[in-house]
N, C-alpha and C. Protein backbone atom coordinates (compact mmCIF):
# COMPACT_ATOMS: atom_id res chain seq x y z
N MET A 1 -58.12 129.39 -45.39
CA MET A 1 -57.37 128.64 -44.40
C MET A 1 -56.67 129.62 -43.46
N ARG A 2 -56.78 129.37 -42.17
CA ARG A 2 -56.16 130.26 -41.18
C ARG A 2 -54.66 130.01 -41.12
N SER A 3 -53.92 131.07 -40.91
CA SER A 3 -52.48 130.97 -40.73
C SER A 3 -52.17 130.32 -39.39
N VAL A 4 -51.08 129.57 -39.34
CA VAL A 4 -50.65 128.95 -38.07
C VAL A 4 -50.40 130.03 -37.03
N VAL A 5 -49.85 131.16 -37.46
CA VAL A 5 -49.54 132.25 -36.54
C VAL A 5 -50.79 132.77 -35.85
N GLU A 6 -51.90 132.79 -36.56
CA GLU A 6 -53.15 133.25 -35.97
C GLU A 6 -53.58 132.42 -34.77
N LYS A 7 -53.17 131.17 -34.74
CA LYS A 7 -53.54 130.26 -33.66
C LYS A 7 -52.64 130.41 -32.43
N TRP A 8 -51.51 131.06 -32.61
CA TRP A 8 -50.56 131.21 -31.50
C TRP A 8 -51.03 132.26 -30.51
N GLY A 9 -50.67 132.07 -29.26
CA GLY A 9 -50.92 133.09 -28.25
C GLY A 9 -49.80 134.12 -28.27
N PHE A 10 -49.92 135.10 -27.39
CA PHE A 10 -48.90 136.14 -27.29
C PHE A 10 -47.85 135.76 -26.25
N ILE A 11 -46.65 136.20 -26.46
CA ILE A 11 -45.58 136.00 -25.47
C ILE A 11 -45.89 136.87 -24.27
N HIS A 12 -45.85 136.29 -23.09
CA HIS A 12 -46.07 137.05 -21.87
C HIS A 12 -44.87 137.97 -21.64
N GLU A 13 -45.10 139.13 -21.04
CA GLU A 13 -44.03 140.10 -20.77
C GLU A 13 -42.83 139.47 -20.09
N ARG A 14 -43.07 138.52 -19.19
CA ARG A 14 -41.96 137.88 -18.47
C ARG A 14 -41.10 137.03 -19.40
N GLY A 15 -41.61 136.71 -20.57
CA GLY A 15 -40.84 135.94 -21.55
C GLY A 15 -39.87 136.78 -22.35
N LEU A 16 -40.02 138.09 -22.25
CA LEU A 16 -39.12 139.00 -22.95
C LEU A 16 -38.20 139.66 -21.94
N GLN A 17 -36.99 139.91 -22.35
CA GLN A 17 -36.01 140.49 -21.45
C GLN A 17 -35.89 141.98 -21.72
N SER A 18 -36.18 142.80 -20.75
CA SER A 18 -36.01 144.24 -20.87
C SER A 18 -34.73 144.63 -20.17
N TRP A 19 -34.22 145.79 -20.51
CA TRP A 19 -32.96 146.23 -19.94
C TRP A 19 -32.99 147.73 -19.81
N LYS A 20 -32.52 148.21 -18.69
CA LYS A 20 -32.37 149.65 -18.49
C LYS A 20 -30.89 149.90 -18.35
N GLY A 21 -30.28 150.39 -19.39
CA GLY A 21 -28.85 150.62 -19.40
C GLY A 21 -28.33 150.65 -20.82
N GLY A 22 -27.02 150.66 -20.95
CA GLY A 22 -26.40 150.80 -22.26
C GLY A 22 -26.15 149.50 -23.00
N VAL A 23 -26.39 148.35 -22.38
CA VAL A 23 -26.12 147.07 -23.04
C VAL A 23 -27.36 146.66 -23.83
N VAL A 24 -27.55 147.28 -24.99
CA VAL A 24 -28.64 146.96 -25.90
C VAL A 24 -28.05 146.74 -27.29
N CYS A 25 -28.82 146.20 -28.19
CA CYS A 25 -28.31 145.87 -29.52
C CYS A 25 -27.60 147.03 -30.22
N MET A 26 -28.15 148.23 -30.09
CA MET A 26 -27.59 149.38 -30.80
C MET A 26 -26.16 149.69 -30.36
N THR A 27 -25.76 149.30 -29.15
CA THR A 27 -24.41 149.58 -28.67
C THR A 27 -23.48 148.39 -28.85
N CYS A 28 -23.91 147.38 -29.57
CA CYS A 28 -23.12 146.16 -29.77
C CYS A 28 -22.27 146.27 -31.04
N GLN A 29 -21.10 145.65 -31.04
CA GLN A 29 -20.24 145.70 -32.23
C GLN A 29 -20.85 144.96 -33.42
N HIS A 30 -21.82 144.10 -33.19
CA HIS A 30 -22.44 143.33 -34.27
C HIS A 30 -23.67 144.02 -34.87
N PHE A 31 -24.08 145.15 -34.29
CA PHE A 31 -25.25 145.89 -34.77
C PHE A 31 -24.97 146.48 -36.14
N THR A 32 -25.94 146.40 -37.02
CA THR A 32 -25.82 147.00 -38.34
C THR A 32 -27.16 147.59 -38.77
N TYR A 33 -27.13 148.45 -39.76
CA TYR A 33 -28.37 149.00 -40.29
C TYR A 33 -28.20 149.31 -41.76
N GLY A 34 -29.32 149.47 -42.44
CA GLY A 34 -29.34 149.81 -43.85
C GLY A 34 -30.73 150.29 -44.20
N VAL A 35 -30.96 150.48 -45.50
CA VAL A 35 -32.29 150.90 -45.95
C VAL A 35 -32.76 149.95 -47.04
N ASP A 36 -34.07 149.79 -47.13
CA ASP A 36 -34.62 148.95 -48.19
C ASP A 36 -34.89 149.79 -49.43
N GLN A 37 -35.50 149.21 -50.44
CA GLN A 37 -35.75 149.90 -51.71
C GLN A 37 -36.68 151.10 -51.57
N HIS A 38 -37.41 151.17 -50.45
CA HIS A 38 -38.33 152.29 -50.21
C HIS A 38 -37.75 153.28 -49.21
N CYS A 39 -36.46 153.17 -48.92
CA CYS A 39 -35.74 154.04 -47.98
C CYS A 39 -36.21 153.88 -46.54
N HIS A 40 -36.76 152.74 -46.18
CA HIS A 40 -37.12 152.45 -44.79
C HIS A 40 -35.89 151.88 -44.10
N THR A 41 -35.60 152.36 -42.92
CA THR A 41 -34.45 151.87 -42.17
C THR A 41 -34.69 150.44 -41.69
N MET A 42 -33.66 149.62 -41.86
CA MET A 42 -33.71 148.23 -41.39
C MET A 42 -32.53 148.05 -40.45
N VAL A 43 -32.75 147.39 -39.32
CA VAL A 43 -31.67 147.16 -38.36
C VAL A 43 -31.50 145.67 -38.17
N GLY A 44 -30.26 145.27 -37.82
CA GLY A 44 -30.02 143.85 -37.67
C GLY A 44 -28.73 143.54 -36.94
N CYS A 45 -28.43 142.26 -36.89
CA CYS A 45 -27.24 141.73 -36.23
C CYS A 45 -26.38 141.03 -37.27
N ASN A 46 -25.15 141.52 -37.47
CA ASN A 46 -24.25 140.88 -38.42
C ASN A 46 -23.89 139.46 -38.00
N LEU A 47 -23.71 139.25 -36.72
CA LEU A 47 -23.31 137.94 -36.22
C LEU A 47 -24.39 136.88 -36.47
N ARG A 48 -25.62 137.23 -36.16
CA ARG A 48 -26.74 136.30 -36.36
C ARG A 48 -27.26 136.32 -37.79
N GLN A 49 -26.96 137.40 -38.52
CA GLN A 49 -27.47 137.64 -39.87
C GLN A 49 -28.99 137.57 -39.88
N LYS A 50 -29.58 138.33 -38.95
CA LYS A 50 -31.03 138.42 -38.81
C LYS A 50 -31.42 139.87 -38.59
N GLN A 51 -32.64 140.21 -39.03
CA GLN A 51 -33.17 141.54 -38.78
C GLN A 51 -33.74 141.62 -37.37
N LEU A 52 -33.80 142.85 -36.87
CA LEU A 52 -34.42 143.11 -35.57
C LEU A 52 -35.74 143.83 -35.82
N GLN A 53 -36.72 143.57 -34.98
CA GLN A 53 -37.99 144.29 -35.06
C GLN A 53 -37.74 145.76 -34.75
N LYS A 54 -38.52 146.62 -35.35
CA LYS A 54 -38.38 148.06 -35.11
C LYS A 54 -38.45 148.36 -33.62
N GLY A 55 -37.49 149.10 -33.12
CA GLY A 55 -37.47 149.53 -31.72
C GLY A 55 -36.78 148.56 -30.78
N GLU A 56 -36.64 147.30 -31.15
CA GLU A 56 -36.03 146.32 -30.26
C GLU A 56 -34.55 146.62 -30.03
N HIS A 57 -33.89 147.23 -31.00
CA HIS A 57 -32.47 147.55 -30.86
C HIS A 57 -32.20 148.60 -29.78
N LEU A 58 -33.24 149.28 -29.35
CA LEU A 58 -33.10 150.33 -28.33
C LEU A 58 -33.37 149.84 -26.92
N LYS A 59 -33.99 148.66 -26.78
CA LYS A 59 -34.42 148.26 -25.45
C LYS A 59 -34.17 146.81 -25.09
N LYS A 60 -33.55 146.03 -25.95
CA LYS A 60 -33.33 144.61 -25.67
C LYS A 60 -31.84 144.26 -25.67
N PRO A 61 -31.42 143.46 -24.70
CA PRO A 61 -30.05 142.97 -24.70
C PRO A 61 -29.96 141.62 -25.41
N CYS A 62 -28.75 141.16 -25.63
CA CYS A 62 -28.52 139.88 -26.28
C CYS A 62 -27.36 139.17 -25.58
N LYS A 63 -27.40 137.86 -25.52
CA LYS A 63 -26.32 137.09 -24.91
C LYS A 63 -25.01 137.26 -25.67
N LEU A 64 -25.08 137.64 -26.94
CA LEU A 64 -23.88 137.79 -27.78
C LEU A 64 -23.36 139.23 -27.80
N TRP A 65 -23.93 140.09 -26.96
CA TRP A 65 -23.53 141.50 -26.95
C TRP A 65 -22.03 141.63 -26.69
N ALA A 66 -21.38 142.50 -27.44
CA ALA A 66 -19.96 142.78 -27.25
C ALA A 66 -19.75 144.27 -27.44
N PRO A 67 -18.83 144.88 -26.67
CA PRO A 67 -18.60 146.32 -26.81
C PRO A 67 -18.05 146.65 -28.19
N THR A 68 -18.33 147.84 -28.65
CA THR A 68 -17.81 148.27 -29.94
C THR A 68 -16.31 148.50 -29.84
N TRP A 69 -15.63 148.43 -30.95
CA TRP A 69 -14.18 148.66 -30.94
C TRP A 69 -13.86 150.09 -30.50
N GLN A 70 -14.77 151.04 -30.77
CA GLN A 70 -14.53 152.42 -30.34
C GLN A 70 -14.45 152.51 -28.83
N LYS A 71 -15.27 151.72 -28.14
CA LYS A 71 -15.25 151.74 -26.68
C LYS A 71 -13.97 151.09 -26.15
N GLU A 72 -13.48 150.07 -26.87
CA GLU A 72 -12.28 149.37 -26.45
C GLU A 72 -11.01 150.20 -26.64
N VAL A 73 -10.90 150.89 -27.80
CA VAL A 73 -9.66 151.61 -28.12
C VAL A 73 -9.83 153.12 -28.18
N GLY A 74 -11.03 153.62 -28.09
CA GLY A 74 -11.27 155.06 -28.17
C GLY A 74 -11.70 155.45 -29.57
N TRP A 75 -12.24 156.64 -29.71
CA TRP A 75 -12.76 157.09 -31.00
C TRP A 75 -11.66 157.37 -32.01
N ALA A 76 -10.50 157.82 -31.56
CA ALA A 76 -9.39 158.14 -32.46
C ALA A 76 -8.09 157.59 -31.88
N PRO A 77 -7.90 156.27 -31.89
CA PRO A 77 -6.71 155.68 -31.27
C PRO A 77 -5.42 156.15 -31.91
N GLU A 78 -5.46 156.52 -33.19
CA GLU A 78 -4.25 156.99 -33.87
C GLU A 78 -3.75 158.32 -33.31
N ALA A 79 -4.64 159.07 -32.65
CA ALA A 79 -4.24 160.37 -32.08
C ALA A 79 -3.53 160.19 -30.74
N GLY A 80 -3.62 158.99 -30.16
CA GLY A 80 -3.07 158.74 -28.83
C GLY A 80 -1.61 158.59 -28.82
């Protein structure tokens, strides 16, 4: 029996949002990462509680993007 996914077409490039700049998942306060049992890096969004596809965190923005607290208060606010 064929998988339903096999019957689907591909998303056209215009259906995906690309971004050239710093507003990508990796720079968001909700970005997280970890490793699986085989030591493979896994990346995701704490807010959505979903994984991201490999590489998407480097080139895709999200409507829920928020600056990191380090950007808001600085890397060492206690030194200020």
